[in-house]
Amino acid sequence: MNKKLIFFVFLIVFTLIIIFVIYFIKKPTYSAVYRGRLIAFKYGCFNCHGFEGIGGIKNPGYKYDEIPPWQADVQMMYIKDTSEIKEWILYSKPLNREINNKGLIKMPRYKGIIKDDELKDLLVYLKVLMGFINIDDSIAMKGYLIAKNLGCFGCHGDYGLGGMPNPNSLKGYIPGWDDEHFDKLVKNDDELREWILKGKINRLKFINFVMERQVIKMPAYEGYITEDELNALIYYIKWIRDKVKSL
C-alpha cells in the first residue's frame, strides 16, 4: 500500500479518535436537579412561576394577587406533601382536596405532555427548590449551614445539588455535588479537602489547566474555614450525595 495512503488513513483515524475523546470528556453529565431546571424551562414553568420559581408574576382575580412561587417559605400554603407536587404538574390540582383558584391565569395540565423520565427529574428539582429535603442528621445540618454561609450554594445549587452555568469550563457548567463524575474527580476525603482549601486538586493536571480558563473559578477557602468546619462540610457533601438518591 502506498505510504501516503497509509499516512492519510492513519491521520483520519487519529483525528476521529481525538474528536471522540474530546466529545466524551466535554459531554455534559447533568444531575437530576440540573436536568429538572432545564425541563422546567422547556415546559414554560418559569413563564408563570418566575425563574427558579421566585414568583412575582401577577394573576388578576387571584386571592393572593400573584401566581404562587416555589420557595420553601411560601409553597407550604399550597402543597401538603410531596405527592401533591406530581398531582399539580399532571392534573393542575391535588386530587384529594378542592382548590378554589379564581385567578385569570390557570395552571396547565401536563399529563400526556411531559415524559416519565422528565417528570422524575422535574420532581427532584422541585423538591430541592421547595426545601423538601429533611436534614435529620446534626452533623449534616452543621455542614449545610457552613456551606450556606460560605456561599457554596450560589454556584453548586441549592443544597449543593444541580450547579449553574460556567462559560469556558470543561462541560459548560459548575457541577453539583451529586454529579455522576464526582467520584472520578475526587478519589477520597483528602482530595476533597484539598479542593476546598486550595481550589483545585494537584493530581488533576489537565483539569486544573481547564479550570484556569473558566470564567467562574473555584475559590480557595484556606484561612476562611476551620478544621472542624471543614470536617462538617465534607460530611455534609457525602451525606447529601447519598440523600439525593432517595428523592
C-alpha atoms as a PDB file:
ATOM      1  CA  MET A   1       0.000   0.000   0.000  1.00  0.00           C
ATOM      2  CA  ASN A   2       1.207   3.474  -0.865  1.00  0.00           C
ATOM      3  CA  LYS A   3       2.927   5.143   2.108  1.00  0.00           C
ATOM      4  CA  LYS A   4       0.999   8.370   1.508  1.00  0.00           C
ATOM      5  CA  LEU A   5      -2.277   6.461   1.605  1.00  0.00           C
ATOM      6  CA  ILE A   6      -1.265   4.697   4.815  1.00  0.00           C
ATOM      7  CA  PHE A   7      -0.351   8.020   6.395  1.00  0.00           C
ATOM      8  CA  PHE A   8      -3.625   9.558   5.205  1.00  0.00           C
ATOM      9  CA  VAL A   9      -5.690   6.696   6.692  1.00  0.00           C
ATOM     10  CA  PHE A  10      -3.718   6.904   9.941  1.00  0.00           C
ATOM     11  CA  LEU A  11      -4.308  10.663  10.100  1.00  0.00           C
ATOM     12  CA  ILE A  12      -8.069  10.225   9.624  1.00  0.00           C
ATOM     13  CA  VAL A  13      -8.287   7.504  12.291  1.00  0.00           C
ATOM     14  CA  PHE A  14      -6.164   9.528  14.712  1.00  0.00           C
ATOM     15  CA  THR A  15      -8.312  12.631  14.142  1.00  0.00           C
ATOM     16  CA  LEU A  16     -11.513  10.670  14.727  1.00  0.00           C
ATOM     17  CA  ILE A  17     -10.100   9.253  17.967  1.00  0.00           C
ATOM     18  CA  ILE A  18      -9.174  12.738  19.177  1.00  0.00           C
ATOM     19  CA  ILE A  19     -12.636  14.055  18.298  1.00  0.00           C
ATOM     20  CA  PHE A  20     -14.261  11.148  20.133  1.00  0.00           C
ATOM     21  CA  VAL A  21     -12.107  11.665  23.242  1.00  0.00           C
ATOM     22  CA  ILE A  22     -12.808  15.403  23.310  1.00  0.00           C
ATOM     23  CA  TYR A  23     -16.524  14.759  22.852  1.00  0.00           C
ATOM     24  CA  PHE A  24     -16.554  12.195  25.664  1.00  0.00           C
ATOM     25  CA  ILE A  25     -14.652  14.485  28.038  1.00  0.00           C
ATOM     26  CA  LYS A  26     -16.777  17.562  27.318  1.00  0.00           C
ATOM     27  CA  LYS A  27     -20.136  15.760  27.107  1.00  0.00           C
ATOM     28  CA  PRO A  28     -22.358  17.124  29.905  1.00  0.00           C
ATOM     29  CA  THR A  29     -23.372  14.722  32.674  1.00  0.00           C
ATOM     30  CA  TYR A  30     -26.174  16.794  34.133  1.00  0.00           C
ATOM     31  CA  SER A  31     -27.523  15.763  37.520  1.00  0.00           C
ATOM     32  CA  ALA A  32     -31.260  15.215  38.083  1.00  0.00           C
ATOM     33  CA  VAL A  33     -31.609  18.693  39.591  1.00  0.00           C
ATOM     34  CA  TYR A  34     -29.832  20.363  36.681  1.00  0.00           C
ATOM     35  CA  ARG A  35     -31.930  18.395  34.195  1.00  0.00           C
ATOM     36  CA  GLY A  36     -35.036  19.316  36.161  1.00  0.00           C
ATOM     37  CA  ARG A  37     -34.230  23.001  35.777  1.00  0.00           C
ATOM     38  CA  LEU A  38     -33.873  22.579  32.013  1.00  0.00           C
ATOM     39  CA  ILE A  39     -37.174  20.678  31.894  1.00  0.00           C
ATOM     40  CA  ALA A  40     -38.929  23.435  33.857  1.00  0.00           C
ATOM     41  CA  PHE A  41     -37.620  25.901  31.278  1.00  0.00           C
ATOM     42  CA  LYS A  42     -38.646  23.639  28.387  1.00  0.00           C
ATOM     43  CA  TYR A  43     -42.256  23.348  29.544  1.00  0.00           C
ATOM     44  CA  GLY A  44     -42.722  27.025  30.341  1.00  0.00           C
ATOM     45  CA  CYS A  45     -42.861  26.691  34.131  1.00  0.00           C
ATOM     46  CA  PHE A  46     -40.746  29.816  34.625  1.00  0.00           C
ATOM     47  CA  ASN A  47     -43.155  31.825  32.468  1.00  0.00           C
ATOM     48  CA  CYS A  48     -45.653  31.931  35.319  1.00  0.00           C
ATOM     49  CA  HIS A  49     -43.676  30.989  38.443  1.00  0.00           C
ATOM     50  CA  GLY A  50     -40.632  33.137  37.622  1.00  0.00           C
ATOM     51  CA  PHE A  51     -37.088  31.883  37.064  1.00  0.00           C
ATOM     52  CA  GLU A  52     -36.235  29.215  39.638  1.00  0.00           C
ATOM     53  CA  GLY A  53     -39.764  29.729  40.982  1.00  0.00           C
ATOM     54  CA  ILE A  54     -39.010  33.090  42.604  1.00  0.00           C
ATOM     55  CA  GLY A  55     -42.555  34.272  41.851  1.00  0.00           C
ATOM     56  CA  GLY A  56     -43.614  37.866  41.322  1.00  0.00           C
ATOM     57  CA  ILE A  57     -45.956  37.154  38.382  1.00  0.00           C
ATOM     58  CA  LYS A  58     -49.316  38.864  38.824  1.00  0.00           C
ATOM     59  CA  ASN A  59     -52.572  36.912  38.399  1.00  0.00           C
ATOM     60  CA  PRO A  60     -55.699  39.112  38.094  1.00  0.00           C
ATOM     61  CA  GLY A  61     -58.581  37.852  40.221  1.00  0.00           C
ATOM     62  CA  TYR A  62     -56.437  35.530  42.346  1.00  0.00           C
ATOM     63  CA  LYS A  63     -56.917  35.949  46.109  1.00  0.00           C
ATOM     64  CA  TYR A  64     -53.151  36.167  46.758  1.00  0.00           C
ATOM     65  CA  ASP A  65     -52.588  38.558  43.818  1.00  0.00           C
ATOM     66  CA  GLU A  66     -49.640  36.569  42.391  1.00  0.00           C
ATOM     67  CA  ILE A  67     -49.025  33.097  40.982  1.00  0.00           C
ATOM     68  CA  PRO A  68     -47.515  31.021  43.829  1.00  0.00           C
ATOM     69  CA  PRO A  69     -43.701  30.846  43.918  1.00  0.00           C
ATOM     70  CA  TRP A  70     -41.835  27.634  44.664  1.00  0.00           C
ATOM     71  CA  GLN A  71     -39.813  28.930  47.572  1.00  0.00           C
ATOM     72  CA  ALA A  72     -39.875  26.872  50.759  1.00  0.00           C
ATOM     73  CA  ASP A  73     -41.408  29.559  52.971  1.00  0.00           C
ATOM     74  CA  VAL A  74     -44.421  30.031  50.683  1.00  0.00           C
ATOM     75  CA  GLN A  75     -45.120  26.741  48.898  1.00  0.00           C
ATOM     76  CA  MET A  76     -46.315  25.081  52.126  1.00  0.00           C
ATOM     77  CA  MET A  77     -49.530  27.113  51.725  1.00  0.00           C
ATOM     78  CA  TYR A  78     -50.323  25.195  48.525  1.00  0.00           C
ATOM     79  CA  ILE A  79     -48.674  21.779  48.907  1.00  0.00           C
ATOM     80  CA  LYS A  80     -49.474  19.492  51.830  1.00  0.00           C
ATOM     81  CA  ASP A  81     -46.954  16.765  50.978  1.00  0.00           C
ATOM     82  CA  THR A  82     -44.570  15.765  48.196  1.00  0.00           C
ATOM     83  CA  SER A  83     -47.152  13.564  46.440  1.00  0.00           C
ATOM     84  CA  GLU A  84     -49.149  16.689  45.603  1.00  0.00           C
ATOM     85  CA  ILE A  85     -46.286  18.142  43.564  1.00  0.00           C
ATOM     86  CA  LYS A  86     -46.778  15.396  40.975  1.00  0.00           C
ATOM     87  CA  GLU A  87     -50.554  15.928  41.019  1.00  0.00           C
ATOM     88  CA  TRP A  88     -50.194  19.669  40.456  1.00  0.00           C
ATOM     89  CA  ILE A  89     -47.974  19.007  37.422  1.00  0.00           C
ATOM     90  CA  LEU A  90     -50.109  16.301  35.838  1.00  0.00           C
ATOM     91  CA  TYR A  91     -53.622  17.434  36.764  1.00  0.00           C
ATOM     92  CA  SER A  92     -53.168  21.137  37.674  1.00  0.00           C
ATOM     93  CA  LYS A  93     -54.539  20.467  41.179  1.00  0.00           C
ATOM     94  CA  PRO A  94     -54.365  17.998  44.081  1.00  0.00           C
ATOM     95  CA  LEU A  95     -56.659  15.009  43.635  1.00  0.00           C
ATOM     96  CA  ASN A  96     -57.841  14.651  47.229  1.00  0.00           C
ATOM     97  CA  ARG A  97     -58.931  18.193  48.056  1.00  0.00           C
ATOM     98  CA  GLU A  98     -60.655  21.123  46.425  1.00  0.00           C
ATOM     99  CA  ILE A  99     -58.726  24.144  45.207  1.00  0.00           C
ATOM    100  CA  ASN A 100     -60.597  27.374  44.544  1.00  0.00           C
ATOM    101  CA  ASN A 101     -58.479  29.272  42.040  1.00  0.00           C
ATOM    102  CA  LYS A 102     -60.426  32.188  40.608  1.00  0.00           C
ATOM    103  CA  GLY A 103     -57.336  33.718  39.088  1.00  0.00           C
ATOM    104  CA  LEU A 104     -57.366  34.537  35.391  1.00  0.00           C
ATOM    105  CA  ILE A 105     -54.136  32.572  34.745  1.00  0.00           C
ATOM    106  CA  LYS A 106     -54.686  28.840  35.276  1.00  0.00           C
ATOM    107  CA  MET A 107     -52.176  26.095  35.995  1.00  0.00           C
ATOM    108  CA  PRO A 108     -51.941  23.891  32.844  1.00  0.00           C
ATOM    109  CA  ARG A 109     -52.187  20.103  32.884  1.00  0.00           C
ATOM    110  CA  TYR A 110     -49.077  18.257  31.715  1.00  0.00           C
ATOM    111  CA  LYS A 111     -50.451  14.716  31.738  1.00  0.00           C
ATOM    112  CA  GLY A 112     -49.748  13.204  28.312  1.00  0.00           C
ATOM    113  CA  ILE A 113     -47.325  16.025  27.541  1.00  0.00           C
ATOM    114  CA  ILE A 114     -44.369  15.554  29.859  1.00  0.00           C
ATOM    115  CA  LYS A 115     -42.395  12.304  29.548  1.00  0.00           C
ATOM    116  CA  ASP A 116     -41.985   9.978  32.529  1.00  0.00           C
ATOM    117  CA  ASP A 117     -38.224  10.463  32.828  1.00  0.00           C
ATOM    118  CA  GLU A 118     -38.666  14.228  32.532  1.00  0.00           C
ATOM    119  CA  LEU A 119     -41.303  14.193  35.249  1.00  0.00           C
ATOM    120  CA  LYS A 120     -38.981  12.261  37.536  1.00  0.00           C
ATOM    121  CA  ASP A 121     -36.177  14.834  37.130  1.00  0.00           C
ATOM    122  CA  LEU A 122     -38.593  17.751  37.467  1.00  0.00           C
ATOM    123  CA  LEU A 123     -39.902  16.319  40.745  1.00  0.00           C
ATOM    124  CA  VAL A 124     -36.378  16.031  42.158  1.00  0.00           C
ATOM    125  CA  TYR A 125     -35.646  19.621  41.118  1.00  0.00           C
ATOM    126  CA  LEU A 126     -38.848  20.943  42.708  1.00  0.00           C
ATOM    127  CA  LYS A 127     -38.353  19.003  45.938  1.00  0.00           C
ATOM    128  CA  VAL A 128     -34.900  20.537  46.293  1.00  0.00           C
ATOM    129  CA  LEU A 129     -36.087  24.049  45.398  1.00  0.00           C
ATOM    130  CA  MET A 130     -39.085  23.826  47.730  1.00  0.00           C
ATOM    131  CA  GLY A 131     -36.997  22.662  50.652  1.00  0.00           C
ATOM    132  CA  PHE A 132     -38.458  19.184  50.963  1.00  0.00           C
ATOM    133  CA  ILE A 133     -35.081  17.720  51.916  1.00  0.00           C
ATOM    134  CA  ASN A 134     -35.153  16.878  55.597  1.00  0.00           C
ATOM    135  CA  ILE A 135     -31.681  17.168  57.096  1.00  0.00           C
ATOM    136  CA  ASP A 136     -32.203  14.838  60.042  1.00  0.00           C
ATOM    137  CA  ASP A 137     -28.519  14.486  60.888  1.00  0.00           C
ATOM    138  CA  SER A 138     -26.977  17.059  63.249  1.00  0.00           C
ATOM    139  CA  ILE A 139     -23.507  16.939  61.676  1.00  0.00           C
ATOM    140  CA  ALA A 140     -25.002  17.169  58.176  1.00  0.00           C
ATOM    141  CA  MET A 141     -27.053  20.184  59.295  1.00  0.00           C
ATOM    142  CA  LYS A 142     -23.910  21.831  60.626  1.00  0.00           C
ATOM    143  CA  GLY A 143     -22.165  21.191  57.310  1.00  0.00           C
ATOM    144  CA  TYR A 144     -25.180  22.500  55.401  1.00  0.00           C
ATOM    145  CA  LEU A 145     -25.130  25.786  57.337  1.00  0.00           C
ATOM    146  CA  ILE A 146     -21.379  26.134  56.809  1.00  0.00           C
ATOM    147  CA  ALA A 147     -21.788  25.585  53.060  1.00  0.00           C
ATOM    148  CA  LYS A 148     -24.593  28.144  53.014  1.00  0.00           C
ATOM    149  CA  ASN A 149     -22.551  30.736  54.914  1.00  0.00           C
ATOM    150  CA  LEU A 150     -19.517  30.207  52.664  1.00  0.00           C
ATOM    151  CA  GLY A 151     -21.569  30.829  49.502  1.00  0.00           C
ATOM    152  CA  CYS A 152     -21.201  27.287  48.146  1.00  0.00           C
ATOM    153  CA  PHE A 153     -24.843  27.028  47.072  1.00  0.00           C
ATOM    154  CA  GLY A 154     -24.595  30.109  44.858  1.00  0.00           C
ATOM    155  CA  CYS A 155     -22.540  28.102  42.350  1.00  0.00           C
ATOM    156  CA  HIS A 156     -23.235  24.465  43.225  1.00  0.00           C
ATOM    157  CA  GLY A 157     -27.011  24.974  43.556  1.00  0.00           C
ATOM    158  CA  ASP A 158     -29.464  24.629  46.454  1.00  0.00           C
ATOM    159  CA  TYR A 159     -28.172  22.047  48.936  1.00  0.00           C
ATOM    160  CA  GLY A 160     -25.139  21.734  46.614  1.00  0.00           C
ATOM    161  CA  LEU A 161     -27.275  19.950  44.029  1.00  0.00           C
ATOM    162  CA  GLY A 162     -27.567  20.962  40.398  1.00  0.00           C
ATOM    163  CA  GLY A 163     -24.897  23.584  39.786  1.00  0.00           C
ATOM    164  CA  MET A 164     -25.021  26.594  37.469  1.00  0.00           C
ATOM    165  CA  PRO A 165     -23.603  27.506  34.004  1.00  0.00           C
ATOM    166  CA  ASN A 166     -19.926  28.433  33.732  1.00  0.00           C
ATOM    167  CA  PRO A 167     -18.522  29.671  30.389  1.00  0.00           C
ATOM    168  CA  ASN A 168     -15.241  28.108  29.200  1.00  0.00           C
ATOM    169  CA  SER A 169     -15.430  25.327  31.796  1.00  0.00           C
ATOM    170  CA  LEU A 170     -14.828  21.726  30.764  1.00  0.00           C
ATOM    171  CA  LYS A 171     -18.518  20.816  30.472  1.00  0.00           C
ATOM    172  CA  GLY A 172     -20.022  24.303  30.421  1.00  0.00           C
ATOM    173  CA  TYR A 173     -21.366  24.312  33.964  1.00  0.00           C
ATOM    174  CA  ILE A 174     -20.358  24.149  37.622  1.00  0.00           C
ATOM    175  CA  PRO A 175     -21.172  20.592  38.751  1.00  0.00           C
ATOM    176  CA  GLY A 176     -23.369  19.909  41.737  1.00  0.00           C
ATOM    177  CA  TRP A 177     -22.078  17.595  44.419  1.00  0.00           C
ATOM    178  CA  ASP A 178     -24.411  14.917  43.072  1.00  0.00           C
ATOM    179  CA  ASP A 179     -22.723  14.944  39.650  1.00  0.00           C
ATOM    180  CA  GLU A 180     -22.006  11.421  38.395  1.00  0.00           C
ATOM    181  CA  HIS A 181     -18.350  12.295  37.720  1.00  0.00           C
ATOM    182  CA  PHE A 182     -17.755  13.471  41.285  1.00  0.00           C
ATOM    183  CA  ASP A 183     -16.184  10.150  42.338  1.00  0.00           C
ATOM    184  CA  LYS A 184     -13.938  10.165  39.270  1.00  0.00           C
ATOM    185  CA  LEU A 185     -12.580  13.602  40.113  1.00  0.00           C
ATOM    186  CA  VAL A 186     -12.419  13.293  43.902  1.00  0.00           C
ATOM    187  CA  LYS A 187     -10.899   9.965  44.943  1.00  0.00           C
ATOM    188  CA  ASN A 188     -11.108  10.383  48.725  1.00  0.00           C
ATOM    189  CA  ASP A 189     -11.680  12.798  51.607  1.00  0.00           C
ATOM    190  CA  ASP A 190      -8.113  14.107  51.406  1.00  0.00           C
ATOM    191  CA  GLU A 191      -8.634  15.226  47.805  1.00  0.00           C
ATOM    192  CA  LEU A 192     -11.983  16.807  48.659  1.00  0.00           C
ATOM    193  CA  ARG A 193     -10.256  18.645  51.497  1.00  0.00           C
ATOM    194  CA  GLU A 194      -7.545  19.802  49.070  1.00  0.00           C
ATOM    195  CA  TRP A 195     -10.127  21.034  46.550  1.00  0.00           C
ATOM    196  CA  ILE A 196     -11.945  23.063  49.189  1.00  0.00           C
ATOM    197  CA  LEU A 197      -8.810  24.564  50.738  1.00  0.00           C
ATOM    198  CA  LYS A 198      -6.725  25.084  47.584  1.00  0.00           C
ATOM    199  CA  GLY A 199      -9.463  25.456  44.955  1.00  0.00           C
ATOM    200  CA  LYS A 200      -8.000  22.559  42.982  1.00  0.00           C
ATOM    201  CA  ILE A 201      -6.586  19.040  43.253  1.00  0.00           C
ATOM    202  CA  ASN A 202      -2.916  18.901  42.318  1.00  0.00           C
ATOM    203  CA  ARG A 203      -3.278  15.418  40.785  1.00  0.00           C
ATOM    204  CA  LEU A 204      -5.689  16.689  38.124  1.00  0.00           C
ATOM    205  CA  LYS A 205      -3.180  18.499  35.905  1.00  0.00           C
ATOM    206  CA  PHE A 206      -5.410  18.672  32.807  1.00  0.00           C
ATOM    207  CA  ILE A 207      -8.493  19.681  34.795  1.00  0.00           C
ATOM    208  CA  ASN A 208      -6.517  22.417  36.541  1.00  0.00           C
ATOM    209  CA  PHE A 209      -5.381  23.753  33.159  1.00  0.00           C
ATOM    210  CA  VAL A 210      -9.010  23.972  32.026  1.00  0.00           C
ATOM    211  CA  MET A 211     -10.115  25.497  35.327  1.00  0.00           C
ATOM    212  CA  GLU A 212      -7.713  28.375  34.791  1.00  0.00           C
ATOM    213  CA  ARG A 213      -9.648  29.242  31.615  1.00  0.00           C
ATOM    214  CA  GLN A 214     -13.169  29.031  33.036  1.00  0.00           C
ATOM    215  CA  VAL A 215     -14.903  32.299  33.866  1.00  0.00           C
ATOM    216  CA  ILE A 216     -16.082  31.334  37.372  1.00  0.00           C
ATOM    217  CA  LYS A 217     -13.256  29.776  39.357  1.00  0.00           C
ATOM    218  CA  MET A 218     -13.433  27.641  42.464  1.00  0.00           C
ATOM    219  CA  PRO A 219     -12.243  29.794  45.393  1.00  0.00           C
ATOM    220  CA  ALA A 220      -9.611  28.543  47.838  1.00  0.00           C
ATOM    221  CA  TYR A 221     -11.133  28.546  51.333  1.00  0.00           C
ATOM    222  CA  GLU A 222      -7.877  28.074  53.220  1.00  0.00           C
ATOM    223  CA  GLY A 223      -7.865  30.630  56.023  1.00  0.00           C
ATOM    224  CA  TYR A 224     -11.642  31.079  55.818  1.00  0.00           C
ATOM    225  CA  ILE A 225     -12.731  27.746  57.287  1.00  0.00           C
ATOM    226  CA  THR A 226     -11.670  25.976  60.482  1.00  0.00           C
ATOM    227  CA  GLU A 227     -10.683  22.312  60.647  1.00  0.00           C
ATOM    228  CA  ASP A 228     -13.905  21.480  62.499  1.00  0.00           C
ATOM    229  CA  GLU A 229     -15.996  23.311  59.901  1.00  0.00           C
ATOM    230  CA  LEU A 230     -14.135  21.596  57.068  1.00  0.00           C
ATOM    231  CA  ASN A 231     -14.847  18.165  58.529  1.00  0.00           C
ATOM    232  CA  ALA A 232     -18.540  19.010  58.895  1.00  0.00           C
ATOM    233  CA  LEU A 233     -18.695  20.312  55.318  1.00  0.00           C
ATOM    234  CA  ILE A 234     -17.095  17.146  53.933  1.00  0.00           C
ATOM    235  CA  TYR A 235     -19.523  15.075  55.993  1.00  0.00           C
ATOM    236  CA  TYR A 236     -22.461  17.023  54.560  1.00  0.00           C
ATOM    237  CA  ILE A 237     -21.283  16.652  50.957  1.00  0.00           C
ATOM    238  CA  LYS A 238     -21.155  12.873  51.353  1.00  0.00           C
ATOM    239  CA  TRP A 239     -24.499  12.873  53.199  1.00  0.00           C
ATOM    240  CA  ILE A 240     -26.341  14.877  50.527  1.00  0.00           C
ATOM    241  CA  ARG A 241     -24.895  12.719  47.731  1.00  0.00           C
ATOM    242  CA  ASP A 242     -26.456   9.710  49.411  1.00  0.00           C
ATOM    243  CA  LYS A 243     -29.693  11.527  50.304  1.00  0.00           C
ATOM    244  CA  VAL A 244     -30.486  12.684  46.763  1.00  0.00           C
ATOM    245  CA  LYS A 245     -30.650   9.072  45.590  1.00  0.00           C
ATOM    246  CA  SER A 246     -33.873   8.621  47.557  1.00  0.00           C
ATOM    247  CA  LEU A 247     -35.660  11.689  46.188  1.00  0.00           C
END
